[in-house]
Amino acid sequence: MCVPLRAGVAGSYAALVGGWDACLVDLYDTLLSCDFSPNRRELPKLACVAADAWNEAYAQLWVAVQTGRAAKTEAFAQTLRACGVQPSASLVRALVDRDRELAFASARLYDDAIPFLDRLRSAGIKIAIVSNCSEHTRPLLTELGVIELADAVILSCEVGAAKPSAEIYLRALDQLGMAAPAALFVDDQASYCAGAAALGIAAVQIVRGEPDGNVPASGPAVVRSLREVETMLWPPEGFKSRLEGEDRLRGLAKEVLSCLGR
């Protein structure tokens, strides 16, 4: 039986310092919150189509959008056609602009996001932001001042692969010049944590707010804030040596893979 590692459990994740030289960290619902419900309401109104029809048609194109196979302009044009509207260049441009405006307006960094990234940098830990997202994300990161804190920014829409595909994690490791056992991955999605763990990357699931019942019964460590991730990296008790920390990291990786049946 696999028991999830949780904050405050002696001898679990709080005793894993010393083995990580890199941190791969998710963006949405990990570093920042972004409410996309206004987009689902406002864009259909702008297009003069029923919201259900618009959202259903756009959902069919999301995989293509987040992996860069379709830009927003193309996706919105196809969505309009699916809703029986001939896409004019001006309408498509207005939809793209409004989509970006709404996303930027609702984006909020969590209070612990910048302090977490700052502390990683101060400790010499390489940072890669790894996100499943659309083309609006890089400009958003720039506006929020986050992009300058990362050593690499790996966006699914730019690299043509999305979590939990191995390619996106490997791209992040390659850009950082790190091997999988030297990296820690933080994400709010259990399946994305599993994708990282399958490559030998230690994974931590962050669940902010009230639990929704979808936290796995076994698998990655589960935390409620980035401050708890810092406890993993810098526990008060410490280790006698780096090798001891690395041994504990390898043990965690084996435990996660065992829980996944690998």
C-alpha atoms as a PDB file:
ATOM      1  CA  MET A   1       0.000   0.000   0.000  1.00  0.00           C
ATOM      2  CA  CYS A   2       1.366   3.401  -0.981  1.00  0.00           C
ATOM      3  CA  VAL A   3       0.886   6.220   1.522  1.00  0.00           C
ATOM      4  CA  PRO A   4       1.004   9.816   0.228  1.00  0.00           C
ATOM      5  CA  LEU A   5       3.689  12.022   1.716  1.00  0.00           C
ATOM      6  CA  ARG A   6       2.181  15.076   3.368  1.00  0.00           C
ATOM      7  CA  ALA A   7       3.317  18.135   5.231  1.00  0.00           C
ATOM      8  CA  GLY A   8       4.187  17.612   8.850  1.00  0.00           C
ATOM      9  CA  VAL A   9       4.877  13.876   8.563  1.00  0.00           C
ATOM     10  CA  ALA A  10       8.218  13.168  10.235  1.00  0.00           C
ATOM     11  CA  GLY A  11      10.760  11.468   8.002  1.00  0.00           C
ATOM     12  CA  SER A  12       8.818  12.194   4.793  1.00  0.00           C
ATOM     13  CA  TYR A  13       9.291  15.024   2.346  1.00  0.00           C
ATOM     14  CA  ALA A  14      10.706  17.476   4.870  1.00  0.00           C
ATOM     15  CA  ALA A  15      13.883  15.409   4.991  1.00  0.00           C
ATOM     16  CA  LEU A  16      14.885  15.616   1.330  1.00  0.00           C
ATOM     17  CA  VAL A  17      17.268  18.552   1.174  1.00  0.00           C
ATOM     18  CA  GLY A  18      20.575  18.371  -0.675  1.00  0.00           C
ATOM     19  CA  GLY A  19      19.733  16.525  -3.880  1.00  0.00           C
ATOM     20  CA  TRP A  20      18.040  19.123  -6.082  1.00  0.00           C
ATOM     21  CA  ASP A  21      19.782  21.584  -8.333  1.00  0.00           C
ATOM     22  CA  ALA A  22      16.710  22.509 -10.380  1.00  0.00           C
ATOM     23  CA  CYS A  23      13.013  23.154  -9.896  1.00  0.00           C
ATOM     24  CA  LEU A  24      10.484  22.707 -12.683  1.00  0.00           C
ATOM     25  CA  VAL A  25       7.372  24.615 -11.682  1.00  0.00           C
ATOM     26  CA  ASP A  26       3.927  24.850 -13.240  1.00  0.00           C
ATOM     27  CA  LEU A  27       2.289  28.236 -13.812  1.00  0.00           C
ATOM     28  CA  TYR A  28      -1.523  28.184 -13.675  1.00  0.00           C
ATOM     29  CA  ASP A  29      -2.928  27.302 -10.235  1.00  0.00           C
ATOM     30  CA  THR A  30       0.634  26.889  -8.950  1.00  0.00           C
ATOM     31  CA  LEU A  31       2.284  30.311  -9.324  1.00  0.00           C
ATOM     32  CA  LEU A  32      -0.804  32.255 -10.351  1.00  0.00           C
ATOM     33  CA  SER A  33      -4.575  32.046 -10.532  1.00  0.00           C
ATOM     34  CA  CYS A  34      -6.456  32.985 -13.671  1.00  0.00           C
ATOM     35  CA  ASP A  35     -10.235  32.956 -14.013  1.00  0.00           C
ATOM     36  CA  PHE A  36     -11.174  31.997 -17.575  1.00  0.00           C
ATOM     37  CA  SER A  37     -14.927  32.052 -16.988  1.00  0.00           C
ATOM     38  CA  PRO A  38     -15.224  35.663 -18.274  1.00  0.00           C
ATOM     39  CA  ASN A  39     -13.627  34.490 -21.532  1.00  0.00           C
ATOM     40  CA  ARG A  40     -16.228  31.755 -21.864  1.00  0.00           C
ATOM     41  CA  ARG A  41     -18.995  34.330 -21.350  1.00  0.00           C
ATOM     42  CA  GLU A  42     -17.703  37.389 -23.176  1.00  0.00           C
ATOM     43  CA  LEU A  43     -16.230  35.896 -26.353  1.00  0.00           C
ATOM     44  CA  PRO A  44     -19.512  34.288 -27.493  1.00  0.00           C
ATOM     45  CA  LYS A  45     -21.268  37.600 -26.892  1.00  0.00           C
ATOM     46  CA  LEU A  46     -18.717  39.410 -29.028  1.00  0.00           C
ATOM     47  CA  ALA A  47     -19.158  36.790 -31.737  1.00  0.00           C
ATOM     48  CA  CYS A  48     -22.980  36.943 -31.414  1.00  0.00           C
ATOM     49  CA  VAL A  49     -23.296  33.190 -30.943  1.00  0.00           C
ATOM     50  CA  ALA A  50     -24.663  30.967 -28.193  1.00  0.00           C
ATOM     51  CA  ALA A  51     -22.194  30.431 -25.371  1.00  0.00           C
ATOM     52  CA  ASP A  52     -22.704  26.655 -25.282  1.00  0.00           C
ATOM     53  CA  ALA A  53     -22.059  26.322 -29.000  1.00  0.00           C
ATOM     54  CA  TRP A  54     -18.974  28.544 -28.852  1.00  0.00           C
ATOM     55  CA  ASN A  55     -17.402  26.838 -25.857  1.00  0.00           C
ATOM     56  CA  GLU A  56     -18.063  23.349 -27.188  1.00  0.00           C
ATOM     57  CA  ALA A  57     -16.529  24.171 -30.568  1.00  0.00           C
ATOM     58  CA  TYR A  58     -13.493  25.885 -29.030  1.00  0.00           C
ATOM     59  CA  ALA A  59     -12.926  23.016 -26.599  1.00  0.00           C
ATOM     60  CA  GLN A  60     -12.432  20.721 -29.588  1.00  0.00           C
ATOM     61  CA  LEU A  61      -9.518  22.906 -30.691  1.00  0.00           C
ATOM     62  CA  TRP A  62      -7.814  23.389 -27.325  1.00  0.00           C
ATOM     63  CA  VAL A  63      -5.266  20.603 -27.758  1.00  0.00           C
ATOM     64  CA  ALA A  64      -4.177  22.167 -31.061  1.00  0.00           C
ATOM     65  CA  VAL A  65      -3.966  25.607 -29.426  1.00  0.00           C
ATOM     66  CA  GLN A  66      -1.925  24.512 -26.408  1.00  0.00           C
ATOM     67  CA  THR A  67       0.523  22.534 -28.549  1.00  0.00           C
ATOM     68  CA  GLY A  68       1.009  25.343 -31.048  1.00  0.00           C
ATOM     69  CA  ARG A  69      -0.641  23.609 -33.981  1.00  0.00           C
ATOM     70  CA  ALA A  70      -3.230  26.382 -34.135  1.00  0.00           C
ATOM     71  CA  ALA A  71      -2.817  30.032 -33.203  1.00  0.00           C
ATOM     72  CA  LYS A  72      -5.677  31.833 -31.505  1.00  0.00           C
ATOM     73  CA  THR A  73      -6.588  33.535 -34.772  1.00  0.00           C
ATOM     74  CA  GLU A  74      -6.987  30.202 -36.537  1.00  0.00           C
ATOM     75  CA  ALA A  75      -8.807  28.588 -33.613  1.00  0.00           C
ATOM     76  CA  PHE A  76     -11.282  31.439 -33.286  1.00  0.00           C
ATOM     77  CA  ALA A  77     -11.906  31.458 -37.049  1.00  0.00           C
ATOM     78  CA  GLN A  78     -12.652  27.738 -36.948  1.00  0.00           C
ATOM     79  CA  THR A  79     -14.887  28.209 -33.908  1.00  0.00           C
ATOM     80  CA  LEU A  80     -16.869  30.891 -35.714  1.00  0.00           C
ATOM     81  CA  ARG A  81     -17.353  28.624 -38.723  1.00  0.00           C
ATOM     82  CA  ALA A  82     -18.513  25.791 -36.472  1.00  0.00           C
ATOM     83  CA  CYS A  83     -21.094  28.204 -35.040  1.00  0.00           C
ATOM     84  CA  GLY A  84     -22.279  29.199 -38.501  1.00  0.00           C
ATOM     85  CA  VAL A  85     -20.561  32.589 -38.612  1.00  0.00           C
ATOM     86  CA  GLN A  86     -18.275  33.691 -41.436  1.00  0.00           C
ATOM     87  CA  PRO A  87     -15.034  34.834 -39.754  1.00  0.00           C
ATOM     88  CA  SER A  88     -13.989  38.314 -40.826  1.00  0.00           C
ATOM     89  CA  ALA A  89     -10.423  39.433 -40.105  1.00  0.00           C
ATOM     90  CA  SER A  90     -11.684  42.282 -37.914  1.00  0.00           C
ATOM     91  CA  LEU A  91     -13.931  40.034 -35.816  1.00  0.00           C
ATOM     92  CA  VAL A  92     -11.208  37.435 -35.321  1.00  0.00           C
ATOM     93  CA  ARG A  93      -8.730  40.141 -34.288  1.00  0.00           C
ATOM     94  CA  ALA A  94     -11.247  41.590 -31.849  1.00  0.00           C
ATOM     95  CA  LEU A  95     -11.814  38.144 -30.319  1.00  0.00           C
ATOM     96  CA  VAL A  96      -8.094  37.511 -29.903  1.00  0.00           C
ATOM     97  CA  ASP A  97      -7.560  40.925 -28.317  1.00  0.00           C
ATOM     98  CA  ARG A  98     -10.507  40.522 -25.962  1.00  0.00           C
ATOM     99  CA  ASP A  99      -9.401  37.021 -24.990  1.00  0.00           C
ATOM    100  CA  ARG A 100      -5.995  38.362 -24.016  1.00  0.00           C
ATOM    101  CA  GLU A 101      -7.436  41.362 -22.153  1.00  0.00           C
ATOM    102  CA  LEU A 102      -9.718  39.175 -20.060  1.00  0.00           C
ATOM    103  CA  ALA A 103      -6.962  36.708 -19.208  1.00  0.00           C
ATOM    104  CA  PHE A 104      -4.563  39.479 -18.190  1.00  0.00           C
ATOM    105  CA  ALA A 105      -7.253  41.182 -16.094  1.00  0.00           C
ATOM    106  CA  SER A 106      -7.973  38.080 -14.009  1.00  0.00           C
ATOM    107  CA  ALA A 107      -4.390  36.818 -13.579  1.00  0.00           C
ATOM    108  CA  ARG A 108      -3.125  37.105  -9.997  1.00  0.00           C
ATOM    109  CA  LEU A 109       0.173  35.839  -8.632  1.00  0.00           C
ATOM    110  CA  TYR A 110      -0.185  33.935  -5.375  1.00  0.00           C
ATOM    111  CA  ASP A 111       1.427  35.694  -2.427  1.00  0.00           C
ATOM    112  CA  ASP A 112       4.092  33.022  -2.083  1.00  0.00           C
ATOM    113  CA  ALA A 113       5.033  32.854  -5.794  1.00  0.00           C
ATOM    114  CA  ILE A 114       7.673  35.586  -6.102  1.00  0.00           C
ATOM    115  CA  PRO A 115       9.260  34.868  -2.690  1.00  0.00           C
ATOM    116  CA  PHE A 116       9.522  31.199  -3.677  1.00  0.00           C
ATOM    117  CA  LEU A 117      11.218  31.970  -6.998  1.00  0.00           C
ATOM    118  CA  ASP A 118      13.501  34.531  -5.347  1.00  0.00           C
ATOM    119  CA  ARG A 119      14.625  32.030  -2.738  1.00  0.00           C
ATOM    120  CA  LEU A 120      15.326  29.380  -5.364  1.00  0.00           C
ATOM    121  CA  ARG A 121      17.483  31.842  -7.281  1.00  0.00           C
ATOM    122  CA  SER A 122      19.297  32.944  -4.135  1.00  0.00           C
ATOM    123  CA  ALA A 123      20.119  29.312  -3.376  1.00  0.00           C
ATOM    124  CA  GLY A 124      21.481  28.753  -6.887  1.00  0.00           C
ATOM    125  CA  ILE A 125      18.668  26.382  -7.878  1.00  0.00           C
ATOM    126  CA  LYS A 126      17.845  26.593 -11.581  1.00  0.00           C
ATOM    127  CA  ILE A 127      14.216  27.384 -12.399  1.00  0.00           C
ATOM    128  CA  ALA A 128      12.133  26.284 -15.372  1.00  0.00           C
ATOM    129  CA  ILE A 129       8.501  27.331 -15.706  1.00  0.00           C
ATOM    130  CA  VAL A 130       6.685  24.494 -17.478  1.00  0.00           C
ATOM    131  CA  SER A 131       3.137  25.277 -18.572  1.00  0.00           C
ATOM    132  CA  ASN A 132       0.364  23.917 -20.758  1.00  0.00           C
ATOM    133  CA  CYS A 133      -0.915  27.137 -22.254  1.00  0.00           C
ATOM    134  CA  SER A 134      -1.684  29.341 -25.231  1.00  0.00           C
ATOM    135  CA  GLU A 135       0.303  32.086 -26.924  1.00  0.00           C
ATOM    136  CA  HIS A 136      -0.923  34.700 -24.427  1.00  0.00           C
ATOM    137  CA  THR A 137       1.167  33.225 -21.623  1.00  0.00           C
ATOM    138  CA  ARG A 138       4.639  34.530 -22.454  1.00  0.00           C
ATOM    139  CA  PRO A 139       3.442  38.167 -22.674  1.00  0.00           C
ATOM    140  CA  LEU A 140       1.574  37.625 -19.393  1.00  0.00           C
ATOM    141  CA  LEU A 141       4.718  36.347 -17.680  1.00  0.00           C
ATOM    142  CA  THR A 142       6.615  39.368 -18.948  1.00  0.00           C
ATOM    143  CA  GLU A 143       3.968  41.795 -17.678  1.00  0.00           C
ATOM    144  CA  LEU A 144       3.927  40.130 -14.250  1.00  0.00           C
ATOM    145  CA  GLY A 145       7.722  40.260 -13.953  1.00  0.00           C
ATOM    146  CA  VAL A 146       7.989  36.488 -13.621  1.00  0.00           C
ATOM    147  CA  ILE A 147       9.861  35.650 -16.790  1.00  0.00           C
ATOM    148  CA  GLU A 148      13.036  37.368 -15.599  1.00  0.00           C
ATOM    149  CA  LEU A 149      13.133  35.122 -12.535  1.00  0.00           C
ATOM    150  CA  ALA A 150      13.281  31.898 -14.546  1.00  0.00           C
ATOM    151  CA  ASP A 151      16.283  30.317 -16.240  1.00  0.00           C
ATOM    152  CA  ALA A 152      13.992  28.658 -18.796  1.00  0.00           C
ATOM    153  CA  VAL A 153      10.373  29.083 -19.819  1.00  0.00           C
ATOM    154  CA  ILE A 154       8.930  25.975 -21.459  1.00  0.00           C
ATOM    155  CA  LEU A 155       5.463  26.623 -22.886  1.00  0.00           C
ATOM    156  CA  SER A 156       3.503  23.849 -24.559  1.00  0.00           C
ATOM    157  CA  CYS A 157       2.345  26.149 -27.348  1.00  0.00           C
ATOM    158  CA  GLU A 158       5.962  26.896 -28.246  1.00  0.00           C
ATOM    159  CA  VAL A 159       7.540  23.447 -27.922  1.00  0.00           C
ATOM    160  CA  GLY A 160       4.704  21.431 -29.482  1.00  0.00           C
ATOM    161  CA  ALA A 161       4.231  19.123 -26.509  1.00  0.00           C
ATOM    162  CA  ALA A 162       2.088  19.296 -23.385  1.00  0.00           C
ATOM    163  CA  LYS A 163       2.221  17.711 -19.956  1.00  0.00           C
ATOM    164  CA  PRO A 164       2.159  14.812 -19.195  1.00  0.00           C
ATOM    165  CA  SER A 165       4.104  14.050 -22.392  1.00  0.00           C
ATOM    166  CA  ALA A 166       7.734  13.228 -21.609  1.00  0.00           C
ATOM    167  CA  GLU A 167       8.970  15.655 -24.257  1.00  0.00           C
ATOM    168  CA  ILE A 168       8.049  18.822 -22.377  1.00  0.00           C
ATOM    169  CA  TYR A 169       9.825  17.750 -19.170  1.00  0.00           C
ATOM    170  CA  LEU A 170      12.887  16.629 -21.121  1.00  0.00           C
ATOM    171  CA  ARG A 171      12.959  19.967 -22.949  1.00  0.00           C
ATOM    172  CA  ALA A 172      13.006  21.762 -19.593  1.00  0.00           C
ATOM    173  CA  LEU A 173      15.814  19.569 -18.251  1.00  0.00           C
ATOM    174  CA  ASP A 174      17.816  20.060 -21.439  1.00  0.00           C
ATOM    175  CA  GLN A 175      17.529  23.849 -21.285  1.00  0.00           C
ATOM    176  CA  LEU A 176      18.644  23.825 -17.671  1.00  0.00           C
ATOM    177  CA  GLY A 177      21.447  21.352 -18.365  1.00  0.00           C
ATOM    178  CA  MET A 178      20.164  19.027 -15.646  1.00  0.00           C
ATOM    179  CA  ALA A 179      19.483  15.305 -15.272  1.00  0.00           C
ATOM    180  CA  ALA A 180      16.120  14.096 -13.989  1.00  0.00           C
ATOM    181  CA  PRO A 181      17.299  13.049 -10.483  1.00  0.00           C
ATOM    182  CA  ALA A 182      18.614  16.582  -9.883  1.00  0.00           C
ATOM    183  CA  ALA A 183      15.197  18.165 -10.437  1.00  0.00           C
ATOM    184  CA  LEU A 184      12.028  18.708  -8.430  1.00  0.00           C
ATOM    185  CA  PHE A 185       8.700  19.245 -10.219  1.00  0.00           C
ATOM    186  CA  VAL A 186       5.748  21.170  -8.701  1.00  0.00           C
ATOM    187  CA  ASP A 187       2.285  21.115 -10.301  1.00  0.00           C
ATOM    188  CA  ASP A 188      -1.370  21.202  -9.259  1.00  0.00           C
ATOM    189  CA  GLN A 189      -2.326  18.254 -11.500  1.00  0.00           C
ATOM    190  CA  ALA A 190      -1.691  14.710 -10.259  1.00  0.00           C
ATOM    191  CA  SER A 191      -1.382  13.314 -13.797  1.00  0.00           C
ATOM    192  CA  TYR A 192       1.298  15.875 -14.662  1.00  0.00           C
ATOM    193  CA  CYS A 193       3.196  14.938 -11.509  1.00  0.00           C
ATOM    194  CA  ALA A 194       2.970  11.301 -12.585  1.00  0.00           C
ATOM    195  CA  GLY A 195       4.417  12.209 -15.978  1.00  0.00           C
ATOM    196  CA  ALA A 196       7.431  13.803 -14.303  1.00  0.00           C
ATOM    197  CA  ALA A 197       7.869  10.937 -11.832  1.00  0.00           C
ATOM    198  CA  ALA A 198       7.911   8.443 -14.703  1.00  0.00           C
ATOM    199  CA  LEU A 199      11.119  10.120 -15.880  1.00  0.00           C
ATOM    200  CA  GLY A 200      12.725   9.961 -12.445  1.00  0.00           C
ATOM    201  CA  ILE A 201      11.911  13.553 -11.492  1.00  0.00           C
ATOM    202  CA  ALA A 202      10.720  13.939  -7.892  1.00  0.00           C
ATOM    203  CA  ALA A 203       7.202  15.383  -8.056  1.00  0.00           C
ATOM    204  CA  VAL A 204       5.084  17.401  -5.650  1.00  0.00           C
ATOM    205  CA  GLN A 205       1.393  18.168  -6.134  1.00  0.00           C
ATOM    206  CA  ILE A 206       0.234  21.539  -4.840  1.00  0.00           C
ATOM    207  CA  VAL A 207      -3.440  21.766  -3.870  1.00  0.00           C
ATOM    208  CA  ARG A 208      -4.418  25.334  -3.027  1.00  0.00           C
ATOM    209  CA  GLY A 209      -7.656  26.340  -1.347  1.00  0.00           C
ATOM    210  CA  GLU A 210     -10.103  23.759  -0.121  1.00  0.00           C
ATOM    211  CA  PRO A 211      -9.552  20.154  -1.205  1.00  0.00           C
ATOM    212  CA  ASP A 212     -11.875  19.185  -4.072  1.00  0.00           C
ATOM    213  CA  GLY A 213     -11.775  15.461  -3.438  1.00  0.00           C
ATOM    214  CA  ASN A 214      -9.494  14.805  -6.411  1.00  0.00           C
ATOM    215  CA  VAL A 215      -6.258  14.487  -4.429  1.00  0.00           C
ATOM    216  CA  PRO A 216      -4.864  11.026  -5.176  1.00  0.00           C
ATOM    217  CA  ALA A 217      -4.769   8.454  -2.386  1.00  0.00           C
ATOM    218  CA  SER A 218      -1.218   7.591  -3.346  1.00  0.00           C
ATOM    219  CA  GLY A 219       1.545   9.045  -5.450  1.00  0.00           C
ATOM    220  CA  PRO A 220       3.364  12.354  -5.142  1.00  0.00           C
ATOM    221  CA  ALA A 221       3.802  14.410  -2.025  1.00  0.00           C
ATOM    222  CA  VAL A 222       0.890  16.813  -1.562  1.00  0.00           C
ATOM    223  CA  VAL A 223       1.375  20.359  -0.254  1.00  0.00           C
ATOM    224  CA  ARG A 224      -0.928  23.319   0.198  1.00  0.00           C
ATOM    225  CA  SER A 225       1.520  26.143  -0.562  1.00  0.00           C
ATOM    226  CA  LEU A 226       4.911  26.924  -2.034  1.00  0.00           C
ATOM    227  CA  ARG A 227       6.109  27.607   1.487  1.00  0.00           C
ATOM    228  CA  GLU A 228       5.698  23.887   2.125  1.00  0.00           C
ATOM    229  CA  VAL A 229       7.809  23.163  -0.944  1.00  0.00           C
ATOM    230  CA  GLU A 230      10.502  25.363   0.603  1.00  0.00           C
ATOM    231  CA  THR A 231      10.320  23.135   3.680  1.00  0.00           C
ATOM    232  CA  MET A 232      11.150  20.212   1.423  1.00  0.00           C
ATOM    233  CA  LEU A 233      14.152  22.043   0.041  1.00  0.00           C
ATOM    234  CA  TRP A 234      15.381  23.556   3.289  1.00  0.00           C
ATOM    235  CA  PRO A 235      14.123  21.530   6.271  1.00  0.00           C
ATOM    236  CA  PRO A 236      15.271  22.778   9.678  1.00  0.00           C
ATOM    237  CA  GLU A 237      17.007  19.514  10.560  1.00  0.00           C
ATOM    238  CA  GLY A 238      19.120  19.374   7.400  1.00  0.00           C
ATOM    239  CA  PHE A 239      21.464  16.540   6.395  1.00  0.00           C
ATOM    240  CA  LYS A 240      24.988  15.578   7.285  1.00  0.00           C
ATOM    241  CA  SER A 241      26.010  15.542   3.619  1.00  0.00           C
ATOM    242  CA  ARG A 242      24.804  16.096   0.086  1.00  0.00           C
ATOM    243  CA  LEU A 243      25.130  12.355  -0.594  1.00  0.00           C
ATOM    244  CA  GLU A 244      22.692  11.631   2.209  1.00  0.00           C
ATOM    245  CA  GLY A 245      20.199  14.021   0.641  1.00  0.00           C
ATOM    246  CA  GLU A 246      20.653  12.449  -2.786  1.00  0.00           C
ATOM    247  CA  ASP A 247      20.102   8.979  -1.345  1.00  0.00           C
ATOM    248  CA  ARG A 248      16.808  10.164   0.161  1.00  0.00           C
ATOM    249  CA  LEU A 249      15.814  11.724  -3.172  1.00  0.00           C
ATOM    250  CA  ARG A 250      16.428   8.460  -5.001  1.00  0.00           C
ATOM    251  CA  GLY A 251      14.353   6.700  -2.374  1.00  0.00           C
ATOM    252  CA  LEU A 252      11.452   9.083  -2.969  1.00  0.00           C
ATOM    253  CA  ALA A 253      11.664   8.611  -6.738  1.00  0.00           C
ATOM    254  CA  LYS A 254      11.548   4.814  -6.292  1.00  0.00           C
ATOM    255  CA  GLU A 255       8.564   5.133  -3.950  1.00  0.00           C
ATOM    256  CA  VAL A 256       6.624   7.279  -6.418  1.00  0.00           C
ATOM    257  CA  LEU A 257       7.381   4.917  -9.318  1.00  0.00           C
ATOM    258  CA  SER A 258       6.331   1.940  -7.169  1.00  0.00           C
ATOM    259  CA  CYS A 259       3.027   3.671  -6.412  1.00  0.00           C
ATOM    260  CA  LEU A 260       2.523   4.136 -10.146  1.00  0.00           C
ATOM    261  CA  GLY A 261       3.213   0.446 -10.751  1.00  0.00           C
ATOM    262  CA  ARG A 262       6.401   1.117 -12.708  1.00  0.00           C
END
